[in-house]
Amino acid sequence: ERPAQANPQWDGATPDPGSSNVPHRVYNIG
């Protein structure tokens, strides 16, 4: 119910594997 959005703080110099500057996210469910 919460479509993925780009992370405005994402930085290609220090890329965060869990988000992106495009609408893609990754979450743990545990």
Full PDB file with SEQRES, HELIX, SHEET, SSBOND, CRYST1, ORIGX, SCALE, CONECT and MASTER records, all heavy atoms in Angstrom:
SEQRES   1 A   30  GLU ARG PRO ALA GLN ALA ASN PRO GLN TRP ASP GLY ALA          
SEQRES   2 A   30  THR PRO ASP PRO GLY SER SER ASN VAL PRO HIS ARG VAL          
SEQRES   3 A   30  TYR ASN ILE GLY                                              
CRYST1    1.000    1.000    1.000  90.00  90.00  90.00 P 1           1          
ORIGX1      1.000000  0.000000  0.000000        0.00000                         
ORIGX2      0.000000  1.000000  0.000000        0.00000                         
ORIGX3      0.000000  0.000000  1.000000        0.00000                         
SCALE1      1.000000  0.000000  0.000000        0.00000                         
SCALE2      0.000000  1.000000  0.000000        0.00000                         
SCALE3      0.000000  0.000000  1.000000        0.00000                         
ATOM      1  N   GLU A   1       0.815  -1.217   0.000  1.00  0.00           N  
ATOM      2  CA  GLU A   1       0.000   0.000   0.000  1.00  0.00           C  
ATOM      3  C   GLU A   1       0.852   1.273   0.000  1.00  0.00           C  
ATOM      4  O   GLU A   1       0.307   2.377  -0.024  1.00  0.00           O  
ATOM      5  CB  GLU A   1      -0.918  -0.015   1.225  1.00  0.00           C  
ATOM      6  CG  GLU A   1      -1.964  -1.128   1.166  1.00  0.00           C  
ATOM      7  CD  GLU A   1      -2.816  -1.231   2.422  1.00  0.00           C  
ATOM      8  OE1 GLU A   1      -2.351  -0.815   3.509  1.00  0.00           O  
ATOM      9  OE2 GLU A   1      -3.956  -1.722   2.305  1.00  0.00           O  
ATOM     10  N   ARG A   2       2.163   1.097  -0.021  1.00  0.00           N  
ATOM     11  CA  ARG A   2       3.084   2.241  -0.031  1.00  0.00           C  
ATOM     12  C   ARG A   2       4.080   2.064  -1.173  1.00  0.00           C  
ATOM     13  O   ARG A   2       5.185   1.574  -0.970  1.00  0.00           O  
ATOM     14  CB  ARG A   2       3.816   2.336   1.316  1.00  0.00           C  
ATOM     15  CG  ARG A   2       4.702   3.549   1.470  1.00  0.00           C  
ATOM     16  CD  ARG A   2       5.463   3.487   2.791  1.00  0.00           C  
ATOM     17  NE  ARG A   2       6.296   4.661   3.001  1.00  0.00           N  
ATOM     18  CZ  ARG A   2       7.495   4.865   2.444  1.00  0.00           C  
ATOM     19  NH1 ARG A   2       7.999   3.966   1.621  1.00  0.00           N  
ATOM     20  NH2 ARG A   2       8.168   5.965   2.693  1.00  0.00           N  
ATOM     21  N   PRO A   3       3.702   2.419  -2.418  1.00  0.00           N  
ATOM     22  CA  PRO A   3       4.596   2.194  -3.557  1.00  0.00           C  
ATOM     23  C   PRO A   3       5.983   2.788  -3.345  1.00  0.00           C  
ATOM     24  O   PRO A   3       6.144   3.852  -2.750  1.00  0.00           O  
ATOM     25  CB  PRO A   3       3.860   2.890  -4.711  1.00  0.00           C  
ATOM     26  CG  PRO A   3       2.419   2.820  -4.321  1.00  0.00           C  
ATOM     27  CD  PRO A   3       2.409   2.992  -2.826  1.00  0.00           C  
ATOM     28  N   ALA A   4       6.968   2.064  -3.825  1.00  0.00           N  
ATOM     29  CA  ALA A   4       8.364   2.478  -3.676  1.00  0.00           C  
ATOM     30  C   ALA A   4       8.591   3.854  -4.291  1.00  0.00           C  
ATOM     31  O   ALA A   4       8.050   4.177  -5.353  1.00  0.00           O  
ATOM     32  CB  ALA A   4       9.280   1.457  -4.324  1.00  0.00           C  
ATOM     33  N   GLN A   5       9.412   4.642  -3.611  1.00  0.00           N  
ATOM     34  CA  GLN A   5       9.797   5.957  -4.107  1.00  0.00           C  
ATOM     35  C   GLN A   5      11.317   6.093  -4.093  1.00  0.00           C  
ATOM     36  O   GLN A   5      12.009   5.397  -3.343  1.00  0.00           O  
ATOM     37  CB  GLN A   5       9.177   7.052  -3.241  1.00  0.00           C  
ATOM     38  CG  GLN A   5       7.655   7.064  -3.252  1.00  0.00           C  
ATOM     39  CD  GLN A   5       7.080   8.170  -2.395  1.00  0.00           C  
ATOM     40  OE1 GLN A   5       7.793   8.930  -1.756  1.00  0.00           O  
ATOM     41  NE2 GLN A   5       5.754   8.259  -2.358  1.00  0.00           N  
ATOM     42  N   ALA A   6      11.806   6.982  -4.915  1.00  0.00           N  
ATOM     43  CA  ALA A   6      13.245   7.250  -4.928  1.00  0.00           C  
ATOM     44  C   ALA A   6      13.664   7.877  -3.601  1.00  0.00           C  
ATOM     45  O   ALA A   6      12.902   8.618  -2.978  1.00  0.00           O  
ATOM     46  CB  ALA A   6      13.585   8.181  -6.088  1.00  0.00           C  
ATOM     47  N   ASN A   7      14.870   7.570  -3.185  1.00  0.00           N  
ATOM     48  CA  ASN A   7      15.448   8.162  -1.978  1.00  0.00           C  
ATOM     49  C   ASN A   7      16.201   9.435  -2.375  1.00  0.00           C  
ATOM     50  O   ASN A   7      17.242   9.356  -3.026  1.00  0.00           O  
ATOM     51  CB  ASN A   7      16.394   7.155  -1.317  1.00  0.00           C  
ATOM     52  CG  ASN A   7      17.093   7.724  -0.091  1.00  0.00           C  
ATOM     53  OD1 ASN A   7      16.827   8.845   0.338  1.00  0.00           O  
ATOM     54  ND2 ASN A   7      18.009   6.957   0.474  1.00  0.00           N  
ATOM     55  N   PRO A   8      15.693  10.612  -1.999  1.00  0.00           N  
ATOM     56  CA  PRO A   8      16.339  11.861  -2.431  1.00  0.00           C  
ATOM     57  C   PRO A   8      17.736  12.033  -1.843  1.00  0.00           C  
ATOM     58  O   PRO A   8      18.527  12.805  -2.374  1.00  0.00           O  
ATOM     59  CB  PRO A   8      15.382  12.950  -1.929  1.00  0.00           C  
ATOM     60  CG  PRO A   8      14.602  12.307  -0.828  1.00  0.00           C  
ATOM     61  CD  PRO A   8      14.495  10.864  -1.181  1.00  0.00           C  
ATOM     62  N   GLN A   9      18.058  11.311  -0.770  1.00  0.00           N  
ATOM     63  CA  GLN A   9      19.393  11.413  -0.165  1.00  0.00           C  
ATOM     64  C   GLN A   9      20.374  10.398  -0.730  1.00  0.00           C  
ATOM     65  O   GLN A   9      21.546  10.386  -0.332  1.00  0.00           O  
ATOM     66  CB  GLN A   9      19.300  11.209   1.359  1.00  0.00           C  
ATOM     67  CG  GLN A   9      18.902  12.450   2.127  1.00  0.00           C  
ATOM     68  CD  GLN A   9      17.422  12.747   2.047  1.00  0.00           C  
ATOM     69  OE1 GLN A   9      16.605  11.853   2.271  1.00  0.00           O  
ATOM     70  NE2 GLN A   9      17.062  13.978   1.715  1.00  0.00           N  
ATOM     71  N   TRP A  10      19.921   9.558  -1.646  1.00  0.00           N  
ATOM     72  CA  TRP A  10      20.806   8.520  -2.177  1.00  0.00           C  
ATOM     73  C   TRP A  10      21.978   9.150  -2.928  1.00  0.00           C  
ATOM     74  O   TRP A  10      21.813  10.083  -3.701  1.00  0.00           O  
ATOM     75  CB  TRP A  10      20.033   7.602  -3.109  1.00  0.00           C  
ATOM     76  CG  TRP A  10      20.742   6.322  -3.433  1.00  0.00           C  
ATOM     77  CD1 TRP A  10      20.704   5.165  -2.732  1.00  0.00           C  
ATOM     78  CD2 TRP A  10      21.577   6.074  -4.566  1.00  0.00           C  
ATOM     79  NE1 TRP A  10      21.471   4.202  -3.340  1.00  0.00           N  
ATOM     80  CE2 TRP A  10      22.028   4.741  -4.471  1.00  0.00           C  
ATOM     81  CE3 TRP A  10      22.005   6.852  -5.643  1.00  0.00           C  
ATOM     82  CZ2 TRP A  10      22.870   4.155  -5.415  1.00  0.00           C  
ATOM     83  CZ3 TRP A  10      22.845   6.278  -6.580  1.00  0.00           C  
ATOM     84  CH2 TRP A  10      23.271   4.941  -6.466  1.00  0.00           C  
ATOM     85  N   ASP A  11      23.172   8.641  -2.690  1.00  0.00           N  
ATOM     86  CA  ASP A  11      24.391   9.217  -3.251  1.00  0.00           C  
ATOM     87  C   ASP A  11      25.196   8.122  -3.934  1.00  0.00           C  
ATOM     88  O   ASP A  11      25.603   7.142  -3.289  1.00  0.00           O  
ATOM     89  CB  ASP A  11      25.213   9.860  -2.128  1.00  0.00           C  
ATOM     90  CG  ASP A  11      26.468  10.567  -2.638  1.00  0.00           C  
ATOM     91  OD1 ASP A  11      26.723  10.520  -3.858  1.00  0.00           O  
ATOM     92  OD2 ASP A  11      27.186  11.140  -1.802  1.00  0.00           O  
ATOM     93  N   GLY A  12      25.424   8.279  -5.217  1.00  0.00           N  
ATOM     94  CA  GLY A  12      26.186   7.288  -5.966  1.00  0.00           C  
ATOM     95  C   GLY A  12      27.625   7.153  -5.522  1.00  0.00           C  
ATOM     96  O   GLY A  12      28.268   6.130  -5.786  1.00  0.00           O  
ATOM     97  N   ALA A  13      28.148   8.135  -4.820  1.00  0.00           N  
ATOM     98  CA  ALA A  13      29.520   8.044  -4.319  1.00  0.00           C  
ATOM     99  C   ALA A  13      29.612   7.089  -3.130  1.00  0.00           C  
ATOM    100  O   ALA A  13      30.641   6.438  -2.913  1.00  0.00           O  
ATOM    101  CB  ALA A  13      30.024   9.433  -3.918  1.00  0.00           C  
ATOM    102  N   THR A  14      28.524   7.010  -2.357  1.00  0.00           N  
ATOM    103  CA  THR A  14      28.445   6.062  -1.236  1.00  0.00           C  
ATOM    104  C   THR A  14      27.088   5.370  -1.312  1.00  0.00           C  
ATOM    105  O   THR A  14      26.199   5.640  -0.498  1.00  0.00           O  
ATOM    106  CB  THR A  14      28.607   6.773   0.120  1.00  0.00           C  
ATOM    107  OG1 THR A  14      27.624   7.828   0.214  1.00  0.00           O  
ATOM    108  CG2 THR A  14      29.994   7.372   0.262  1.00  0.00           C  
ATOM    109  N   PRO A  15      26.907   4.494  -2.296  1.00  0.00           N  
ATOM    110  CA  PRO A  15      25.569   3.958  -2.585  1.00  0.00           C  
ATOM    111  C   PRO A  15      25.007   3.089  -1.471  1.00  0.00           C  
ATOM    112  O   PRO A  15      25.686   2.207  -0.949  1.00  0.00           O  
ATOM    113  CB  PRO A  15      25.790   3.140  -3.859  1.00  0.00           C  
ATOM    114  CG  PRO A  15      27.241   2.817  -3.869  1.00  0.00           C  
ATOM    115  CD  PRO A  15      27.935   3.959  -3.210  1.00  0.00           C  
ATOM    116  N   ASP A  16      23.763   3.363  -1.093  1.00  0.00           N  
ATOM    117  CA  ASP A  16      23.034   2.580  -0.098  1.00  0.00           C  
ATOM    118  C   ASP A  16      22.362   1.409  -0.807  1.00  0.00           C  
ATOM    119  O   ASP A  16      21.500   1.624  -1.665  1.00  0.00           O  
ATOM    120  CB  ASP A  16      21.981   3.461   0.584  1.00  0.00           C  
ATOM    121  CG  ASP A  16      20.971   2.662   1.380  1.00  0.00           C  
ATOM    122  OD1 ASP A  16      21.333   1.573   1.857  1.00  0.00           O  
ATOM    123  OD2 ASP A  16      19.824   3.133   1.531  1.00  0.00           O  
ATOM    124  N   PRO A  17      22.708   0.143  -0.483  1.00  0.00           N  
ATOM    125  CA  PRO A  17      22.116  -1.004  -1.179  1.00  0.00           C  
ATOM    126  C   PRO A  17      20.614  -1.163  -0.953  1.00  0.00           C  
ATOM    127  O   PRO A  17      19.945  -1.823  -1.743  1.00  0.00           O  
ATOM    128  CB  PRO A  17      22.877  -2.200  -0.600  1.00  0.00           C  
ATOM    129  CG  PRO A  17      24.151  -1.637  -0.050  1.00  0.00           C  
ATOM    130  CD  PRO A  17      23.784  -0.279   0.439  1.00  0.00           C  
ATOM    131  N   GLY A  18      20.069  -0.562   0.097  1.00  0.00           N  
ATOM    132  CA  GLY A  18      18.659  -0.759   0.415  1.00  0.00           C  
ATOM    133  C   GLY A  18      17.711   0.196  -0.273  1.00  0.00           C  
ATOM    134  O   GLY A  18      16.493   0.019  -0.189  1.00  0.00           O  
ATOM    135  N   SER A  19      18.219   1.224  -0.926  1.00  0.00           N  
ATOM    136  CA  SER A  19      17.364   2.191  -1.610  1.00  0.00           C  
ATOM    137  C   SER A  19      18.068   2.641  -2.879  1.00  0.00           C  
ATOM    138  O   SER A  19      19.079   2.075  -3.285  1.00  0.00           O  
ATOM    139  CB  SER A  19      17.056   3.385  -0.704  1.00  0.00           C  
ATOM    140  OG  SER A  19      18.236   4.107  -0.391  1.00  0.00           O  
ATOM    141  N   SER A  20      17.546   3.675  -3.526  1.00  0.00           N  
ATOM    142  CA  SER A  20      18.114   4.132  -4.790  1.00  0.00           C  
ATOM    143  C   SER A  20      17.570   5.517  -5.115  1.00  0.00           C  
ATOM    144  O   SER A  20      16.642   6.005  -4.458  1.00  0.00           O  
ATOM    145  CB  SER A  20      17.752   3.147  -5.910  1.00  0.00           C  
ATOM    146  OG  SER A  20      18.303   3.563  -7.146  1.00  0.00           O  
ATOM    147  N   ASN A  21      18.127   6.118  -6.151  1.00  0.00           N  
ATOM    148  CA  ASN A  21      17.571   7.375  -6.652  1.00  0.00           C  
ATOM    149  C   ASN A  21      16.492   7.117  -7.698  1.00  0.00           C  
ATOM    150  O   ASN A  21      16.050   8.032  -8.372  1.00  0.00           O  
ATOM    151  CB  ASN A  21      18.669   8.275  -7.210  1.00  0.00           C  
ATOM    152  CG  ASN A  21      19.414   7.644  -8.378  1.00  0.00           C  
ATOM    153  OD1 ASN A  21      19.261   6.451  -8.663  1.00  0.00           O  
ATOM    154  ND2 ASN A  21      20.238   8.445  -9.050  1.00  0.00           N  
ATOM    155  N   VAL A  22      16.086   5.846  -7.830  1.00  0.00           N  
ATOM    156  CA  VAL A  22      14.939   5.455  -8.653  1.00  0.00           C  
ATOM    157  C   VAL A  22      13.962   4.738  -7.721  1.00  0.00           C  
ATOM    158  O   VAL A  22      14.314   4.385  -6.594  1.00  0.00           O  
ATOM    159  CB  VAL A  22      15.368   4.538  -9.825  1.00  0.00           C  
ATOM    160  CG1 VAL A  22      16.380   5.253 -10.700  1.00  0.00           C  
ATOM    161  CG2 VAL A  22      15.936   3.213  -9.324  1.00  0.00           C  
ATOM    162  N   PRO A  23      12.708   4.520  -8.131  1.00  0.00           N  
ATOM    163  CA  PRO A  23      11.706   3.962  -7.213  1.00  0.00           C  
ATOM    164  C   PRO A  23      11.898   2.471  -6.956  1.00  0.00           C  
ATOM    165  O   PRO A  23      11.115   1.618  -7.411  1.00  0.00           O  
ATOM    166  CB  PRO A  23      10.377   4.261  -7.910  1.00  0.00           C  
ATOM    167  CG  PRO A  23      10.717   4.313  -9.360  1.00  0.00           C  
ATOM    168  CD  PRO A  23      12.089   4.923  -9.427  1.00  0.00           C  
ATOM    169  N   HIS A  24      12.939   2.137  -6.231  1.00  0.00           N  
ATOM    170  CA  HIS A  24      13.203   0.751  -5.844  1.00  0.00           C  
ATOM    171  C   HIS A  24      13.683   0.712  -4.398  1.00  0.00           C  
ATOM    172  O   HIS A  24      14.561   1.482  -4.014  1.00  0.00           O  
ATOM    173  CB  HIS A  24      14.264   0.111  -6.747  1.00  0.00           C  
ATOM    174  CG  HIS A  24      14.529  -1.327  -6.410  1.00  0.00           C  
ATOM    175  ND1 HIS A  24      15.564  -1.714  -5.584  1.00  0.00           N  
ATOM    176  CD2 HIS A  24      13.876  -2.462  -6.767  1.00  0.00           C  
ATOM    177  CE1 HIS A  24      15.547  -3.036  -5.450  1.00  0.00           C  
ATOM    178  NE2 HIS A  24      14.537  -3.512  -6.160  1.00  0.00           N  
ATOM    179  N   ARG A  25      13.080  -0.173  -3.597  1.00  0.00           N  
ATOM    180  CA  ARG A  25      13.442  -0.319  -2.187  1.00  0.00           C  
ATOM    181  C   ARG A  25      13.586  -1.787  -1.844  1.00  0.00           C  
ATOM    182  O   ARG A  25      12.996  -2.653  -2.507  1.00  0.00           O  
ATOM    183  CB  ARG A  25      12.365   0.301  -1.289  1.00  0.00           C  
ATOM    184  CG  ARG A  25      12.202   1.798  -1.433  1.00  0.00           C  
ATOM    185  CD  ARG A  25      13.181   2.555  -0.556  1.00  0.00           C  
ATOM    186  NE  ARG A  25      13.091   4.000  -0.738  1.00  0.00           N  
ATOM    187  CZ  ARG A  25      13.430   4.894   0.191  1.00  0.00           C  
ATOM    188  NH1 ARG A  25      13.887   4.492   1.361  1.00  0.00           N  
ATOM    189  NH2 ARG A  25      13.331   6.180  -0.057  1.00  0.00           N  
ATOM    190  N   VAL A  26      14.307  -2.060  -0.773  1.00  0.00           N  
ATOM    191  CA  VAL A  26      14.434  -3.412  -0.229  1.00  0.00           C  
ATOM    192  C   VAL A  26      14.194  -3.336   1.274  1.00  0.00           C  
ATOM    193  O   VAL A  26      14.695  -2.431   1.943  1.00  0.00           O  
ATOM    194  CB  VAL A  26      15.824  -4.014  -0.509  1.00  0.00           C  
ATOM    195  CG1 VAL A  26      15.956  -5.377   0.150  1.00  0.00           C  
ATOM    196  CG2 VAL A  26      16.075  -4.138  -2.007  1.00  0.00           C  
ATOM    197  N   TYR A  27      13.398  -4.285   1.803  1.00  0.00           N  
ATOM    198  CA  TYR A  27      13.148  -4.350   3.244  1.00  0.00           C  
ATOM    199  C   TYR A  27      13.358  -5.778   3.751  1.00  0.00           C  
ATOM    200  O   TYR A  27      13.099  -6.748   3.024  1.00  0.00           O  
ATOM    201  CB  TYR A  27      11.706  -3.948   3.572  1.00  0.00           C  
ATOM    202  CG  TYR A  27      11.352  -2.524   3.244  1.00  0.00           C  
ATOM    203  CD1 TYR A  27      10.532  -2.233   2.156  1.00  0.00           C  
ATOM    204  CD2 TYR A  27      11.817  -1.466   4.018  1.00  0.00           C  
ATOM    205  CE1 TYR A  27      10.182  -0.921   1.844  1.00  0.00           C  
ATOM    206  CE2 TYR A  27      11.475  -0.153   3.720  1.00  0.00           C  
ATOM    207  CZ  TYR A  27      10.663   0.114   2.633  1.00  0.00           C  
ATOM    208  OH  TYR A  27      10.329   1.416   2.329  1.00  0.00           O  
ATOM    209  N   ASN A  28      13.815  -5.890   4.985  1.00  0.00           N  
ATOM    210  CA  ASN A  28      13.761  -7.148   5.716  1.00  0.00           C  
ATOM    211  C   ASN A  28      12.393  -7.277   6.371  1.00  0.00           C  
ATOM    212  O   ASN A  28      11.872  -6.306   6.924  1.00  0.00           O  
ATOM    213  CB  ASN A  28      14.805  -7.174   6.840  1.00  0.00           C  
ATOM    214  CG  ASN A  28      16.230  -7.284   6.330  1.00  0.00           C  
ATOM    215  OD1 ASN A  28      16.480  -7.818   5.260  1.00  0.00           O  
ATOM    216  ND2 ASN A  28      17.164  -6.779   7.116  1.00  0.00           N  
ATOM    217  N   ILE A  29      11.819  -8.477   6.326  1.00  0.00           N  
ATOM    218  CA  ILE A  29      10.668  -8.778   7.180  1.00  0.00           C  
ATOM    219  C   ILE A  29      11.049  -9.992   8.018  1.00  0.00           C  
ATOM    220  O   ILE A  29      11.092 -11.127   7.517  1.00  0.00           O  
ATOM    221  CB  ILE A  29       9.381  -9.048   6.391  1.00  0.00           C  
ATOM    222  CG1 ILE A  29       9.039  -7.874   5.473  1.00  0.00           C  
ATOM    223  CG2 ILE A  29       8.224  -9.280   7.356  1.00  0.00           C  
ATOM    224  CD1 ILE A  29       7.700  -8.002   4.765  1.00  0.00           C  
ATOM    225  N   GLY A  30      11.374  -9.738   9.260  1.00  0.00           N  
ATOM    226  CA  GLY A  30      11.771 -10.783  10.189  1.00  0.00           C  
ATOM    227  C   GLY A  30      11.345 -10.418  11.588  1.00  0.00           C  
ATOM    228  O   GLY A  30      10.957  -9.272  11.859  1.00  0.00           O  
TER     229      GLY A  30                                                      
MASTER        0    0    0    0    0    0    0    6  228    1    0    3          
END                                                                             
